[in-house]
Amino acid sequence: MIRLNVGAVHEIAVLGAHCDDIAIGMGATLLTLARARPGLRVRALVLSGGGTARADEETLALDAFCPGAEVDLTVLDIPDGRAPAHWDRIKNELSAFRARVDPGLVFAPQRGDAHQDHRLLAELTPTEFRDHMVLGYEILKWESDTPAPSLYHRLSAELAQEKSRLLLKHYPSQAHRDWFDEQAFTALTRLRGVQCHTGHAEAFVLDKGVIDFGGS
């Protein structure tokens, strides 16, 4: 298995279409990054849920998933399921967000996502973050759109279980969904673990990257 090391990361940008997307897609990765670098700056933008209890859930959840980090969260009020109709506003908000952050890594939905809100955000992200490594996370849900990942972040079983526990604790509004349970979340991390010769993993899609072989 070929391994890549991103080096020291002081700030990350995380983008989600809905409250809970980020934690579902990369909750264990957030825990790992925050614990590895106390004081990590986490700049987060979520398109929908502003002014509702969902935004309160997101605030508490990101604090839990980013222990010791400096979290700056913005939750907009784009209507759920209607993001394409608000293309201009989303583009402008994303541009304004880009202007006030300086991330070493960017995380967003992957562009093959079947949900129109996720997909639009995935398509717009690289138009603003043109010189960054953008990692597309996968969001478990009803649609059969799980991607073929190109990057894997290995997890311990304990970390995968902690992610599931925090999801269930901090997003009670989603408890009625038949896929929102510990078995579903750990099943996906276990599947990704099999694919990279470990117990559990979170997986990402990388559309473009630049590699340095050490030459001038």
N, C-alpha and C. Protein backbone atom coordinates (compact mmCIF):
# COMPACT_ATOMS: atom_id res chain seq x y z
N MET A 1 0.85 -1.20 0.00
CA MET A 1 0.00 0.00 0.00
C MET A 1 0.88 1.24 0.00
N ILE A 2 0.74 2.11 -0.99
CA ILE A 2 1.51 3.33 -1.09
C ILE A 2 0.94 4.36 -0.12
N ARG A 3 1.82 4.98 0.68
CA ARG A 3 1.38 5.94 1.67
C ARG A 3 1.81 7.35 1.29
N LEU A 4 0.96 8.31 1.56
CA LEU A 4 1.25 9.72 1.35
C LEU A 4 1.17 10.43 2.69
N ASN A 5 2.02 11.42 2.89
CA ASN A 5 2.02 12.19 4.13
C ASN A 5 1.85 13.66 3.77
N VAL A 6 0.83 14.30 4.32
CA VAL A 6 0.56 15.70 3.97
C VAL A 6 1.42 16.67 4.78
N GLY A 7 2.15 16.17 5.77
CA GLY A 7 2.96 17.06 6.59
C GLY A 7 2.12 17.82 7.59
N ALA A 8 2.72 18.86 8.15
CA ALA A 8 2.04 19.65 9.18
C ALA A 8 0.92 20.48 8.56
N VAL A 9 -0.26 20.39 9.14
CA VAL A 9 -1.42 21.16 8.68
C VAL A 9 -1.90 22.02 9.84
N HIS A 10 -1.96 23.33 9.62
CA HIS A 10 -2.35 24.26 10.68
C HIS A 10 -3.80 24.72 10.53
N GLU A 11 -4.34 24.65 9.32
CA GLU A 11 -5.71 25.09 9.08
C GLU A 11 -6.34 24.23 8.00
N ILE A 12 -7.60 23.87 8.19
CA ILE A 12 -8.34 23.14 7.18
C ILE A 12 -9.66 23.84 6.90
N ALA A 13 -10.16 23.68 5.68
CA ALA A 13 -11.49 24.17 5.32
C ALA A 13 -12.38 22.96 5.09
N VAL A 14 -13.54 22.95 5.72
CA VAL A 14 -14.48 21.84 5.57
C VAL A 14 -15.81 22.40 5.10
N LEU A 15 -16.36 21.81 4.06
CA LEU A 15 -17.57 22.31 3.43
C LEU A 15 -18.63 21.23 3.43
N GLY A 16 -19.85 21.63 3.76
CA GLY A 16 -20.97 20.69 3.75
C GLY A 16 -22.22 21.36 3.22
N ALA A 17 -23.07 20.58 2.58
CA ALA A 17 -24.33 21.11 2.09
C ALA A 17 -25.36 21.18 3.22
N HIS A 18 -25.30 20.20 4.13
CA HIS A 18 -26.27 20.13 5.23
C HIS A 18 -25.54 19.89 6.54
N CYS A 19 -26.17 20.30 7.63
CA CYS A 19 -25.66 19.96 8.95
C CYS A 19 -25.67 18.44 9.08
N ASP A 20 -24.57 17.88 9.42
CA ASP A 20 -24.22 16.46 9.62
C ASP A 20 -23.43 15.87 8.46
N ASP A 21 -23.41 16.52 7.27
CA ASP A 21 -22.65 15.98 6.14
C ASP A 21 -21.17 15.80 6.49
N ILE A 22 -20.59 16.83 7.08
CA ILE A 22 -19.16 16.81 7.38
C ILE A 22 -18.83 15.70 8.36
N ALA A 23 -19.61 15.60 9.43
CA ALA A 23 -19.34 14.59 10.45
C ALA A 23 -19.54 13.18 9.92
N ILE A 24 -20.56 12.98 9.08
CA ILE A 24 -20.79 11.67 8.49
C ILE A 24 -19.64 11.30 7.55
N GLY A 25 -19.21 12.27 6.75
CA GLY A 25 -18.21 11.98 5.74
C GLY A 25 -16.80 11.85 6.27
N MET A 26 -16.47 12.60 7.33
CA MET A 26 -15.07 12.62 7.76
C MET A 26 -14.92 12.88 9.26
N GLY A 27 -15.88 12.43 10.05
CA GLY A 27 -15.82 12.67 11.49
C GLY A 27 -14.58 12.12 12.15
N ALA A 28 -14.18 10.92 11.78
CA ALA A 28 -12.99 10.31 12.39
C ALA A 28 -11.72 11.02 11.94
N THR A 29 -11.72 11.52 10.71
CA THR A 29 -10.57 12.28 10.22
C THR A 29 -10.45 13.60 10.98
N LEU A 30 -11.57 14.25 11.27
CA LEU A 30 -11.54 15.46 12.08
C LEU A 30 -10.95 15.18 13.47
N LEU A 31 -11.40 14.11 14.08
CA LEU A 31 -10.88 13.74 15.40
C LEU A 31 -9.37 13.53 15.34
N THR A 32 -8.91 12.86 14.29
CA THR A 32 -7.48 12.58 14.15
C THR A 32 -6.68 13.86 13.96
N LEU A 33 -7.12 14.71 13.06
CA LEU A 33 -6.40 15.96 12.78
C LEU A 33 -6.36 16.87 14.01
N ALA A 34 -7.49 16.99 14.70
CA ALA A 34 -7.55 17.88 15.85
C ALA A 34 -6.65 17.38 16.99
N ARG A 35 -6.64 16.08 17.19
CA ARG A 35 -5.82 15.53 18.27
C ARG A 35 -4.34 15.57 17.94
N ALA A 36 -4.02 15.47 16.65
CA ALA A 36 -2.62 15.50 16.24
C ALA A 36 -2.03 16.89 16.34
N ARG A 37 -2.86 17.93 16.19
CA ARG A 37 -2.36 19.30 16.22
C ARG A 37 -3.30 20.17 17.06
N PRO A 38 -3.07 20.25 18.38
CA PRO A 38 -3.88 21.13 19.22
C PRO A 38 -3.83 22.56 18.70
N GLY A 39 -4.99 23.21 18.68
CA GLY A 39 -5.06 24.56 18.15
C GLY A 39 -5.29 24.62 16.66
N LEU A 40 -5.49 23.47 16.03
CA LEU A 40 -5.81 23.43 14.60
C LEU A 40 -6.97 24.38 14.31
N ARG A 41 -6.84 25.14 13.23
CA ARG A 41 -7.93 26.03 12.82
C ARG A 41 -8.84 25.29 11.85
N VAL A 42 -10.09 25.15 12.23
CA VAL A 42 -11.09 24.47 11.41
C VAL A 42 -12.08 25.51 10.93
N ARG A 43 -12.07 25.78 9.64
CA ARG A 43 -12.98 26.77 9.05
C ARG A 43 -14.07 26.00 8.30
N ALA A 44 -15.30 26.13 8.74
CA ALA A 44 -16.39 25.32 8.21
C ALA A 44 -17.50 26.17 7.62
N LEU A 45 -18.01 25.74 6.48
CA LEU A 45 -19.14 26.39 5.84
C LEU A 45 -20.18 25.34 5.49
N VAL A 46 -21.41 25.55 5.95
CA VAL A 46 -22.52 24.64 5.68
C VAL A 46 -23.62 25.45 5.00
N LEU A 47 -24.18 24.91 3.93
CA LEU A 47 -25.11 25.69 3.11
C LEU A 47 -26.49 25.85 3.72
N SER A 48 -27.00 24.85 4.42
CA SER A 48 -28.40 24.91 4.88
C SER A 48 -28.51 24.63 6.37
N GLY A 49 -29.61 25.08 6.95
CA GLY A 49 -29.87 24.85 8.37
C GLY A 49 -29.74 26.08 9.23
N GLY A 50 -29.28 27.20 8.66
CA GLY A 50 -29.09 28.41 9.44
C GLY A 50 -30.37 28.88 10.12
N GLY A 51 -30.28 29.26 11.39
CA GLY A 51 -31.43 29.75 12.12
C GLY A 51 -32.35 28.67 12.65
N THR A 52 -31.92 27.40 12.56
CA THR A 52 -32.75 26.29 13.03
C THR A 52 -32.00 25.47 14.08
N ALA A 53 -32.71 24.50 14.66
CA ALA A 53 -32.08 23.61 15.63
C ALA A 53 -30.97 22.78 15.00
N ARG A 54 -31.05 22.59 13.68
CA ARG A 54 -30.00 21.83 12.99
C ARG A 54 -28.65 22.56 13.11
N ALA A 55 -28.66 23.87 13.04
CA ALA A 55 -27.42 24.64 13.19
C ALA A 55 -26.85 24.49 14.59
N ASP A 56 -27.73 24.44 15.60
CA ASP A 56 -27.27 24.22 16.97
C ASP A 56 -26.62 22.84 17.10
N GLU A 57 -27.22 21.83 16.47
CA GLU A 57 -26.62 20.51 16.47
C GLU A 57 -25.22 20.54 15.85
N GLU A 58 -25.11 21.23 14.73
CA GLU A 58 -23.84 21.28 14.02
C GLU A 58 -22.75 21.95 14.86
N THR A 59 -23.11 23.00 15.54
CA THR A 59 -22.14 23.70 16.39
C THR A 59 -21.59 22.78 17.46
N LEU A 60 -22.47 22.09 18.17
CA LEU A 60 -22.05 21.19 19.24
C LEU A 60 -21.28 19.99 18.67
N ALA A 61 -21.72 19.49 17.53
CA ALA A 61 -21.07 18.34 16.93
C ALA A 61 -19.64 18.66 16.50
N LEU A 62 -19.44 19.77 15.81
CA LEU A 62 -18.09 20.10 15.36
C LEU A 62 -17.16 20.38 16.53
N ASP A 63 -17.68 20.96 17.59
CA ASP A 63 -16.86 21.13 18.79
C ASP A 63 -16.41 19.77 19.33
N ALA A 64 -17.29 18.78 19.29
CA ALA A 64 -16.95 17.45 19.79
C ALA A 64 -16.00 16.72 18.85
N PHE A 65 -16.19 16.90 17.55
CA PHE A 65 -15.34 16.21 16.58
C PHE A 65 -13.99 16.90 16.39
N CYS A 66 -13.84 18.11 16.92
CA CYS A 66 -12.58 18.86 16.77
C CYS A 66 -12.06 19.27 18.14
N PRO A 67 -11.76 18.33 19.02
CA PRO A 67 -11.34 18.68 20.38
C PRO A 67 -10.04 19.48 20.37
N GLY A 68 -10.06 20.59 21.08
CA GLY A 68 -8.87 21.42 21.18
C GLY A 68 -8.62 22.31 19.98
N ALA A 69 -9.47 22.25 18.98
CA ALA A 69 -9.29 23.05 17.77
C ALA A 69 -10.01 24.39 17.90
N GLU A 70 -9.63 25.31 17.05
CA GLU A 70 -10.29 26.61 16.93
C GLU A 70 -11.29 26.49 15.78
N VAL A 71 -12.56 26.36 16.10
CA VAL A 71 -13.60 26.11 15.10
C VAL A 71 -14.34 27.40 14.77
N ASP A 72 -14.39 27.70 13.49
CA ASP A 72 -15.15 28.86 13.01
C ASP A 72 -16.18 28.33 12.02
N LEU A 73 -17.44 28.30 12.43
CA LEU A 73 -18.51 27.68 11.64
C LEU A 73 -19.50 28.73 11.14
N THR A 74 -19.81 28.66 9.85
CA THR A 74 -20.87 29.48 9.26
C THR A 74 -21.93 28.55 8.68
N VAL A 75 -23.17 28.72 9.11
CA VAL A 75 -24.28 27.92 8.58
C VAL A 75 -25.24 28.85 7.86
N LEU A 76 -25.38 28.66 6.55
CA LEU A 76 -26.27 29.48 5.74
C LEU A 76 -27.71 28.93 5.80
N ASP A 77 -28.63 29.64 5.16
CA ASP A 77 -30.04 29.25 5.20
C ASP A 77 -30.57 28.89 3.80
N ILE A 78 -29.70 28.31 2.96
CA ILE A 78 -30.16 27.82 1.66
C ILE A 78 -31.19 26.72 1.90
N PRO A 79 -32.35 26.73 1.24
CA PRO A 79 -33.35 25.68 1.46
C PRO A 79 -32.81 24.29 1.12
N ASP A 80 -33.06 23.35 1.99
CA ASP A 80 -32.63 21.97 1.78
C ASP A 80 -33.23 21.41 0.50
N GLY A 81 -32.38 20.83 -0.35
CA GLY A 81 -32.85 20.24 -1.58
C GLY A 81 -33.03 21.20 -2.73
N ARG A 82 -32.69 22.48 -2.52
CA ARG A 82 -32.92 23.50 -3.55
C ARG A 82 -31.64 24.25 -3.91
N ALA A 83 -30.50 23.69 -3.60
CA ALA A 83 -29.25 24.41 -3.84
C ALA A 83 -29.06 24.85 -5.29
N PRO A 84 -29.37 24.02 -6.31
CA PRO A 84 -29.16 24.48 -7.69
C PRO A 84 -29.92 25.77 -8.02
N ALA A 85 -31.06 25.99 -7.37
CA ALA A 85 -31.83 27.21 -7.63
C ALA A 85 -31.18 28.44 -6.99
N HIS A 86 -30.18 28.22 -6.15
CA HIS A 86 -29.50 29.32 -5.47
C HIS A 86 -28.03 29.36 -5.85
N TRP A 87 -27.74 29.01 -7.10
CA TRP A 87 -26.36 28.90 -7.56
C TRP A 87 -25.58 30.19 -7.33
N ASP A 88 -26.15 31.33 -7.71
CA ASP A 88 -25.44 32.60 -7.58
C ASP A 88 -25.06 32.90 -6.14
N ARG A 89 -26.00 32.71 -5.24
CA ARG A 89 -25.70 33.02 -3.84
C ARG A 89 -24.65 32.06 -3.29
N ILE A 90 -24.76 30.78 -3.61
CA ILE A 90 -23.78 29.81 -3.12
C ILE A 90 -22.39 30.13 -3.65
N LYS A 91 -22.31 30.47 -4.94
CA LYS A 91 -21.02 30.84 -5.52
C LYS A 91 -20.44 32.05 -4.80
N ASN A 92 -21.26 33.06 -4.53
CA ASN A 92 -20.77 34.26 -3.85
C ASN A 92 -20.34 33.97 -2.41
N GLU A 93 -21.13 33.15 -1.70
CA GLU A 93 -20.79 32.80 -0.32
C GLU A 93 -19.50 31.98 -0.28
N LEU A 94 -19.34 31.09 -1.23
CA LEU A 94 -18.13 30.27 -1.28
C LEU A 94 -16.91 31.13 -1.59
N SER A 95 -17.09 32.11 -2.47
CA SER A 95 -16.00 33.02 -2.80
C SER A 95 -15.60 33.86 -1.58
N ALA A 96 -16.59 34.34 -0.83
CA ALA A 96 -16.31 35.12 0.37
C ALA A 96 -15.62 34.25 1.43
N PHE A 97 -16.05 33.01 1.55
CA PHE A 97 -15.42 32.07 2.48
C PHE A 97 -13.96 31.85 2.11
N ARG A 98 -13.72 31.63 0.81
CA ARG A 98 -12.35 31.40 0.34
C ARG A 98 -11.44 32.58 0.68
N ALA A 99 -11.98 33.79 0.60
CA ALA A 99 -11.17 34.98 0.83
C ALA A 99 -10.72 35.13 2.27
N ARG A 100 -11.41 34.47 3.20
CA ARG A 100 -11.06 34.65 4.61
C ARG A 100 -10.41 33.42 5.24
N VAL A 101 -10.05 32.43 4.43
CA VAL A 101 -9.39 31.24 4.98
C VAL A 101 -8.08 30.98 4.24
N ASP A 102 -7.20 30.22 4.88
CA ASP A 102 -5.91 29.87 4.28
C ASP A 102 -5.59 28.42 4.64
N PRO A 103 -6.35 27.47 4.09
CA PRO A 103 -6.23 26.08 4.52
C PRO A 103 -5.07 25.32 3.87
N GLY A 104 -4.54 24.37 4.62
CA GLY A 104 -3.59 23.44 4.03
C GLY A 104 -4.27 22.31 3.32
N LEU A 105 -5.51 22.01 3.71
CA LEU A 105 -6.33 20.98 3.09
C LEU A 105 -7.77 21.47 3.02
N VAL A 106 -8.48 21.01 1.99
CA VAL A 106 -9.89 21.34 1.83
C VAL A 106 -10.69 20.05 1.72
N PHE A 107 -11.78 19.96 2.44
CA PHE A 107 -12.65 18.79 2.41
C PHE A 107 -14.05 19.24 1.97
N ALA A 108 -14.65 18.49 1.05
CA ALA A 108 -15.97 18.81 0.52
C ALA A 108 -16.62 17.53 0.06
N PRO A 109 -17.90 17.54 -0.27
CA PRO A 109 -18.52 16.33 -0.85
C PRO A 109 -17.82 15.95 -2.15
N GLN A 110 -17.96 14.68 -2.53
CA GLN A 110 -17.36 14.23 -3.78
C GLN A 110 -18.35 14.47 -4.93
N ARG A 111 -17.83 14.81 -6.10
CA ARG A 111 -18.67 15.31 -7.18
C ARG A 111 -19.56 14.25 -7.81
N GLY A 112 -19.37 12.97 -7.49
CA GLY A 112 -20.26 11.93 -7.99
C GLY A 112 -21.46 11.68 -7.10
N ASP A 113 -21.64 12.49 -6.08
CA ASP A 113 -22.76 12.33 -5.14
C ASP A 113 -24.08 12.57 -5.86
N ALA A 114 -25.06 11.71 -5.62
CA ALA A 114 -26.35 11.79 -6.31
C ALA A 114 -27.25 12.90 -5.79
N HIS A 115 -27.00 13.38 -4.58
CA HIS A 115 -27.84 14.45 -4.03
C HIS A 115 -27.44 15.77 -4.68
N GLN A 116 -28.40 16.49 -5.20
CA GLN A 116 -28.10 17.69 -5.98
C GLN A 116 -27.39 18.76 -5.15
N ASP A 117 -27.70 18.88 -3.87
CA ASP A 117 -27.04 19.89 -3.04
C ASP A 117 -25.56 19.53 -2.85
N HIS A 118 -25.29 18.26 -2.54
CA HIS A 118 -23.91 17.81 -2.35
C HIS A 118 -23.12 17.99 -3.65
N ARG A 119 -23.73 17.57 -4.74
CA ARG A 119 -23.03 17.60 -6.03
C ARG A 119 -22.69 19.02 -6.46
N LEU A 120 -23.62 19.97 -6.26
CA LEU A 120 -23.35 21.34 -6.64
C LEU A 120 -22.17 21.90 -5.83
N LEU A 121 -22.16 21.65 -4.53
CA LEU A 121 -21.06 22.14 -3.71
C LEU A 121 -19.74 21.51 -4.14
N ALA A 122 -19.78 20.21 -4.46
CA ALA A 122 -18.57 19.53 -4.92
C ALA A 122 -18.05 20.13 -6.22
N GLU A 123 -18.94 20.52 -7.09
CA GLU A 123 -18.53 21.10 -8.38
C GLU A 123 -17.98 22.51 -8.22
N LEU A 124 -18.53 23.29 -7.28
CA LEU A 124 -18.10 24.67 -7.11
C LEU A 124 -16.82 24.79 -6.29
N THR A 125 -16.57 23.86 -5.39
CA THR A 125 -15.42 23.98 -4.49
C THR A 125 -14.10 24.18 -5.23
N PRO A 126 -13.76 23.36 -6.22
CA PRO A 126 -12.47 23.56 -6.89
C PRO A 126 -12.40 24.81 -7.75
N THR A 127 -13.54 25.45 -8.03
CA THR A 127 -13.48 26.71 -8.77
C THR A 127 -13.00 27.85 -7.89
N GLU A 128 -13.10 27.69 -6.59
CA GLU A 128 -12.59 28.68 -5.64
C GLU A 128 -11.25 28.26 -5.03
N PHE A 129 -11.11 26.98 -4.75
CA PHE A 129 -9.86 26.46 -4.16
C PHE A 129 -9.06 25.80 -5.28
N ARG A 130 -8.49 26.61 -6.15
CA ARG A 130 -7.84 26.12 -7.36
C ARG A 130 -6.45 25.54 -7.12
N ASP A 131 -5.78 25.98 -6.08
CA ASP A 131 -4.41 25.54 -5.83
C ASP A 131 -4.30 24.72 -4.55
N HIS A 132 -5.39 24.09 -4.16
CA HIS A 132 -5.43 23.32 -2.92
C HIS A 132 -5.70 21.85 -3.23
N MET A 133 -5.28 21.00 -2.31
CA MET A 133 -5.71 19.62 -2.36
C MET A 133 -7.12 19.54 -1.81
N VAL A 134 -8.07 19.18 -2.66
CA VAL A 134 -9.47 19.07 -2.27
C VAL A 134 -9.81 17.59 -2.18
N LEU A 135 -10.17 17.13 -1.01
CA LEU A 135 -10.53 15.74 -0.79
C LEU A 135 -12.04 15.63 -0.67
N GLY A 136 -12.63 14.80 -1.52
CA GLY A 136 -14.07 14.61 -1.53
C GLY A 136 -14.49 13.46 -0.63
N TYR A 137 -15.26 13.75 0.41
CA TYR A 137 -15.70 12.71 1.33
C TYR A 137 -17.02 12.10 0.83
N GLU A 138 -17.32 10.93 1.33
CA GLU A 138 -18.55 10.23 0.93
C GLU A 138 -19.57 10.32 2.05
N ILE A 139 -20.85 10.47 1.66
CA ILE A 139 -21.93 10.61 2.62
C ILE A 139 -22.87 9.42 2.49
N LEU A 140 -22.89 8.60 3.51
CA LEU A 140 -23.78 7.44 3.52
C LEU A 140 -25.23 7.90 3.56
N LYS A 141 -26.06 7.33 2.67
CA LYS A 141 -27.48 7.71 2.63
C LYS A 141 -28.23 6.72 1.75
N TRP A 142 -29.49 7.06 1.44
CA TRP A 142 -30.37 6.16 0.69
C TRP A 142 -29.87 5.88 -0.72
N GLU A 143 -29.34 6.91 -1.41
CA GLU A 143 -28.91 6.72 -2.79
C GLU A 143 -27.73 5.75 -2.89
N SER A 144 -27.70 4.96 -3.94
CA SER A 144 -26.61 4.00 -4.16
C SER A 144 -25.51 4.66 -4.98
N ASP A 145 -24.88 5.67 -4.37
CA ASP A 145 -23.89 6.47 -5.09
C ASP A 145 -22.51 6.39 -4.45
N THR A 146 -22.25 5.34 -3.67
CA THR A 146 -20.94 5.23 -3.04
C THR A 146 -19.86 5.23 -4.12
N PRO A 147 -18.82 6.04 -3.94
CA PRO A 147 -17.81 6.20 -4.99
C PRO A 147 -16.75 5.11 -4.96
N ALA A 148 -15.85 5.16 -5.95
CA ALA A 148 -14.64 4.36 -5.94
C ALA A 148 -13.52 5.26 -5.42
N PRO A 149 -13.20 5.20 -4.14
CA PRO A 149 -12.27 6.17 -3.55
C PRO A 149 -10.84 5.97 -4.07
N SER A 150 -10.06 7.03 -3.95
CA SER A 150 -8.66 6.97 -4.35
C SER A 150 -7.70 7.17 -3.17
N LEU A 151 -8.24 7.63 -2.02
CA LEU A 151 -7.42 7.83 -0.83
C LEU A 151 -8.15 7.28 0.39
N TYR A 152 -7.40 6.68 1.29
CA TYR A 152 -7.97 6.08 2.49
C TYR A 152 -7.24 6.59 3.73
N HIS A 153 -8.02 6.89 4.76
CA HIS A 153 -7.45 7.26 6.05
C HIS A 153 -7.75 6.12 7.02
N ARG A 154 -6.72 5.42 7.42
CA ARG A 154 -6.88 4.25 8.29
C ARG A 154 -7.32 4.66 9.69
N LEU A 155 -8.26 3.87 10.25
CA LEU A 155 -8.80 4.14 11.58
C LEU A 155 -8.68 2.91 12.45
N SER A 156 -8.56 3.12 13.75
CA SER A 156 -8.70 2.01 14.69
C SER A 156 -10.19 1.71 14.86
N ALA A 157 -10.50 0.52 15.35
CA ALA A 157 -11.89 0.18 15.62
C ALA A 157 -12.48 1.13 16.65
N GLU A 158 -11.66 1.53 17.63
CA GLU A 158 -12.13 2.43 18.68
C GLU A 158 -12.50 3.79 18.11
N LEU A 159 -11.71 4.28 17.15
CA LEU A 159 -11.99 5.58 16.55
C LEU A 159 -13.25 5.52 15.68
N ALA A 160 -13.42 4.43 14.94
CA ALA A 160 -14.64 4.26 14.14
C ALA A 160 -15.88 4.23 15.03
N GLN A 161 -15.77 3.57 16.18
CA GLN A 161 -16.89 3.50 17.11
C GLN A 161 -17.16 4.85 17.76
N GLU A 162 -16.09 5.59 18.04
CA GLU A 162 -16.27 6.93 18.62
C GLU A 162 -16.99 7.85 17.64
N LYS A 163 -16.63 7.76 16.37
CA LYS A 163 -17.33 8.55 15.35
C LYS A 163 -18.82 8.25 15.37
N SER A 164 -19.19 6.98 15.37
CA SER A 164 -20.60 6.59 15.37
C SER A 164 -21.30 7.10 16.62
N ARG A 165 -20.64 6.97 17.76
CA ARG A 165 -21.24 7.42 19.02
C ARG A 165 -21.51 8.91 19.00
N LEU A 166 -20.56 9.69 18.50
CA LEU A 166 -20.74 11.14 18.46
C LEU A 166 -21.82 11.55 17.47
N LEU A 167 -21.92 10.84 16.35
CA LEU A 167 -22.98 11.12 15.39
C LEU A 167 -24.35 10.92 16.02
N LEU A 168 -24.53 9.81 16.70
CA LEU A 168 -25.82 9.51 17.31
C LEU A 168 -26.14 10.48 18.45
N LYS A 169 -25.11 10.92 19.17
CA LYS A 169 -25.31 11.83 20.29
C LYS A 169 -25.68 13.23 19.83
N HIS A 170 -25.03 13.72 18.79
CA HIS A 170 -25.15 15.14 18.45
C HIS A 170 -26.16 15.45 17.34
N TYR A 171 -26.69 14.43 16.69
CA TYR A 171 -27.69 14.69 15.65
C TYR A 171 -28.99 13.93 15.93
N PRO A 172 -29.64 14.21 17.05
CA PRO A 172 -30.87 13.50 17.38
C PRO A 172 -31.98 13.74 16.36
N SER A 173 -31.93 14.85 15.63
CA SER A 173 -32.97 15.14 14.64
C SER A 173 -32.96 14.13 13.49
N GLN A 174 -31.88 13.38 13.36
CA GLN A 174 -31.76 12.42 12.25
C GLN A 174 -32.03 10.99 12.69
N ALA A 175 -32.37 10.80 13.95
CA ALA A 175 -32.52 9.44 14.49
C ALA A 175 -33.62 8.65 13.80
N HIS A 176 -34.59 9.32 13.20
CA HIS A 176 -35.71 8.61 12.56
C HIS A 176 -35.32 7.98 11.22
N ARG A 177 -34.19 8.37 10.68
CA ARG A 177 -33.78 7.84 9.38
C ARG A 177 -33.29 6.40 9.53
N ASP A 178 -33.74 5.52 8.62
CA ASP A 178 -33.45 4.10 8.81
C ASP A 178 -31.98 3.76 8.56
N TRP A 179 -31.21 4.69 7.98
CA TRP A 179 -29.78 4.42 7.76
C TRP A 179 -28.90 5.10 8.80
N PHE A 180 -29.49 5.90 9.68
CA PHE A 180 -28.71 6.68 10.63
C PHE A 180 -28.54 5.87 11.91
N ASP A 181 -27.63 4.89 11.88
CA ASP A 181 -27.38 4.08 13.07
C ASP A 181 -25.94 3.60 13.08
N GLU A 182 -25.53 3.10 14.22
CA GLU A 182 -24.13 2.68 14.41
C GLU A 182 -23.72 1.58 13.43
N GLN A 183 -24.62 0.62 13.19
CA GLN A 183 -24.27 -0.47 12.29
C GLN A 183 -23.96 0.03 10.88
N ALA A 184 -24.73 0.99 10.39
CA ALA A 184 -24.50 1.51 9.06
C ALA A 184 -23.17 2.25 8.98
N PHE A 185 -22.88 3.08 9.95
CA PHE A 185 -21.65 3.87 9.91
C PHE A 185 -20.41 2.98 10.03
N THR A 186 -20.43 2.03 10.96
CA THR A 186 -19.26 1.18 11.11
C THR A 186 -19.14 0.17 9.97
N ALA A 187 -20.27 -0.18 9.33
CA ALA A 187 -20.19 -1.07 8.17
C ALA A 187 -19.41 -0.41 7.04
N LEU A 188 -19.66 0.90 6.82
CA LEU A 188 -18.94 1.59 5.75
C LEU A 188 -17.47 1.74 6.09
N THR A 189 -17.15 2.11 7.32
CA THR A 189 -15.73 2.23 7.67
C THR A 189 -15.03 0.88 7.64
N ARG A 190 -15.76 -0.18 7.95
CA ARG A 190 -15.16 -1.53 7.87
C ARG A 190 -14.90 -1.90 6.41
N LEU A 191 -15.85 -1.60 5.52
CA LEU A 191 -15.66 -1.87 4.09
C LEU A 191 -14.43 -1.13 3.58
N ARG A 192 -14.31 0.15 3.91
CA ARG A 192 -13.15 0.91 3.45
C ARG A 192 -11.87 0.39 4.08
N GLY A 193 -11.96 -0.12 5.30
CA GLY A 193 -10.79 -0.73 5.92
C GLY A 193 -10.32 -1.96 5.16
N VAL A 194 -11.25 -2.80 4.74
CA VAL A 194 -10.89 -3.98 3.95
C VAL A 194 -10.12 -3.57 2.69
N GLN A 195 -10.54 -2.45 2.10
CA GLN A 195 -9.94 -2.02 0.84
C GLN A 195 -8.54 -1.43 0.99
N CYS A 196 -8.13 -1.16 2.23
CA CYS A 196 -6.76 -0.66 2.44
C CYS A 196 -6.02 -1.46 3.51
N HIS A 197 -6.44 -2.72 3.68
CA HIS A 197 -5.73 -3.68 4.54
C HIS A 197 -5.64 -3.22 5.99
N THR A 198 -6.77 -2.78 6.53
CA THR A 198 -6.81 -2.43 7.94
C THR A 198 -8.21 -2.69 8.47
N GLY A 199 -8.44 -2.41 9.75
CA GLY A 199 -9.75 -2.69 10.32
C GLY A 199 -10.85 -1.77 9.82
N HIS A 200 -10.60 -0.47 9.89
CA HIS A 200 -11.59 0.53 9.48
C HIS A 200 -10.87 1.68 8.77
N ALA A 201 -11.62 2.45 7.99
CA ALA A 201 -11.04 3.61 7.31
C ALA A 201 -12.15 4.54 6.86
N GLU A 202 -11.79 5.81 6.67
CA GLU A 202 -12.62 6.75 5.92
C GLU A 202 -11.96 6.94 4.57
N ALA A 203 -12.77 7.12 3.54
CA ALA A 203 -12.24 7.17 2.18
C ALA A 203 -12.59 8.49 1.51
N PHE A 204 -11.73 8.90 0.59
CA PHE A 204 -11.89 10.19 -0.09
C PHE A 204 -11.61 10.03 -1.58
N VAL A 205 -12.18 10.94 -2.34
CA VAL A 205 -11.93 11.00 -3.78
C VAL A 205 -11.06 12.22 -4.06
N LEU A 206 -9.96 12.00 -4.76
CA LEU A 206 -9.06 13.09 -5.15
C LEU A 206 -9.13 13.23 -6.66
N ASP A 207 -9.65 14.37 -7.13
CA ASP A 207 -9.78 14.59 -8.57
C ASP A 207 -8.47 15.02 -9.20
N LYS A 208 -7.67 15.78 -8.46
CA LYS A 208 -6.43 16.30 -9.02
C LYS A 208 -5.42 16.52 -7.91
N GLY A 209 -4.16 16.19 -8.19
CA GLY A 209 -3.10 16.42 -7.23
C GLY A 209 -1.79 16.64 -7.95
N VAL A 210 -0.84 17.25 -7.26
CA VAL A 210 0.50 17.46 -7.78
C VAL A 210 1.47 16.74 -6.88
N ILE A 211 2.38 15.98 -7.46
CA ILE A 211 3.35 15.22 -6.68
C ILE A 211 4.75 15.78 -6.91
N ASP A 212 5.53 15.85 -5.86
CA ASP A 212 6.90 16.35 -5.91
C ASP A 212 7.84 15.17 -5.69
N PHE A 213 8.62 14.83 -6.68
CA PHE A 213 9.55 13.72 -6.57
C PHE A 213 10.92 14.16 -6.05
N GLY A 214 11.03 15.41 -5.62
CA GLY A 214 12.26 15.87 -5.03
C GLY A 214 13.18 16.59 -5.99
N GLY A 215 12.76 16.77 -7.23
CA GLY A 215 13.59 17.48 -8.20
C GLY A 215 13.49 18.98 -8.02
N SER A 216 14.30 19.71 -8.76
CA SER A 216 14.30 21.15 -8.65
C SER A 216 13.12 21.72 -9.44
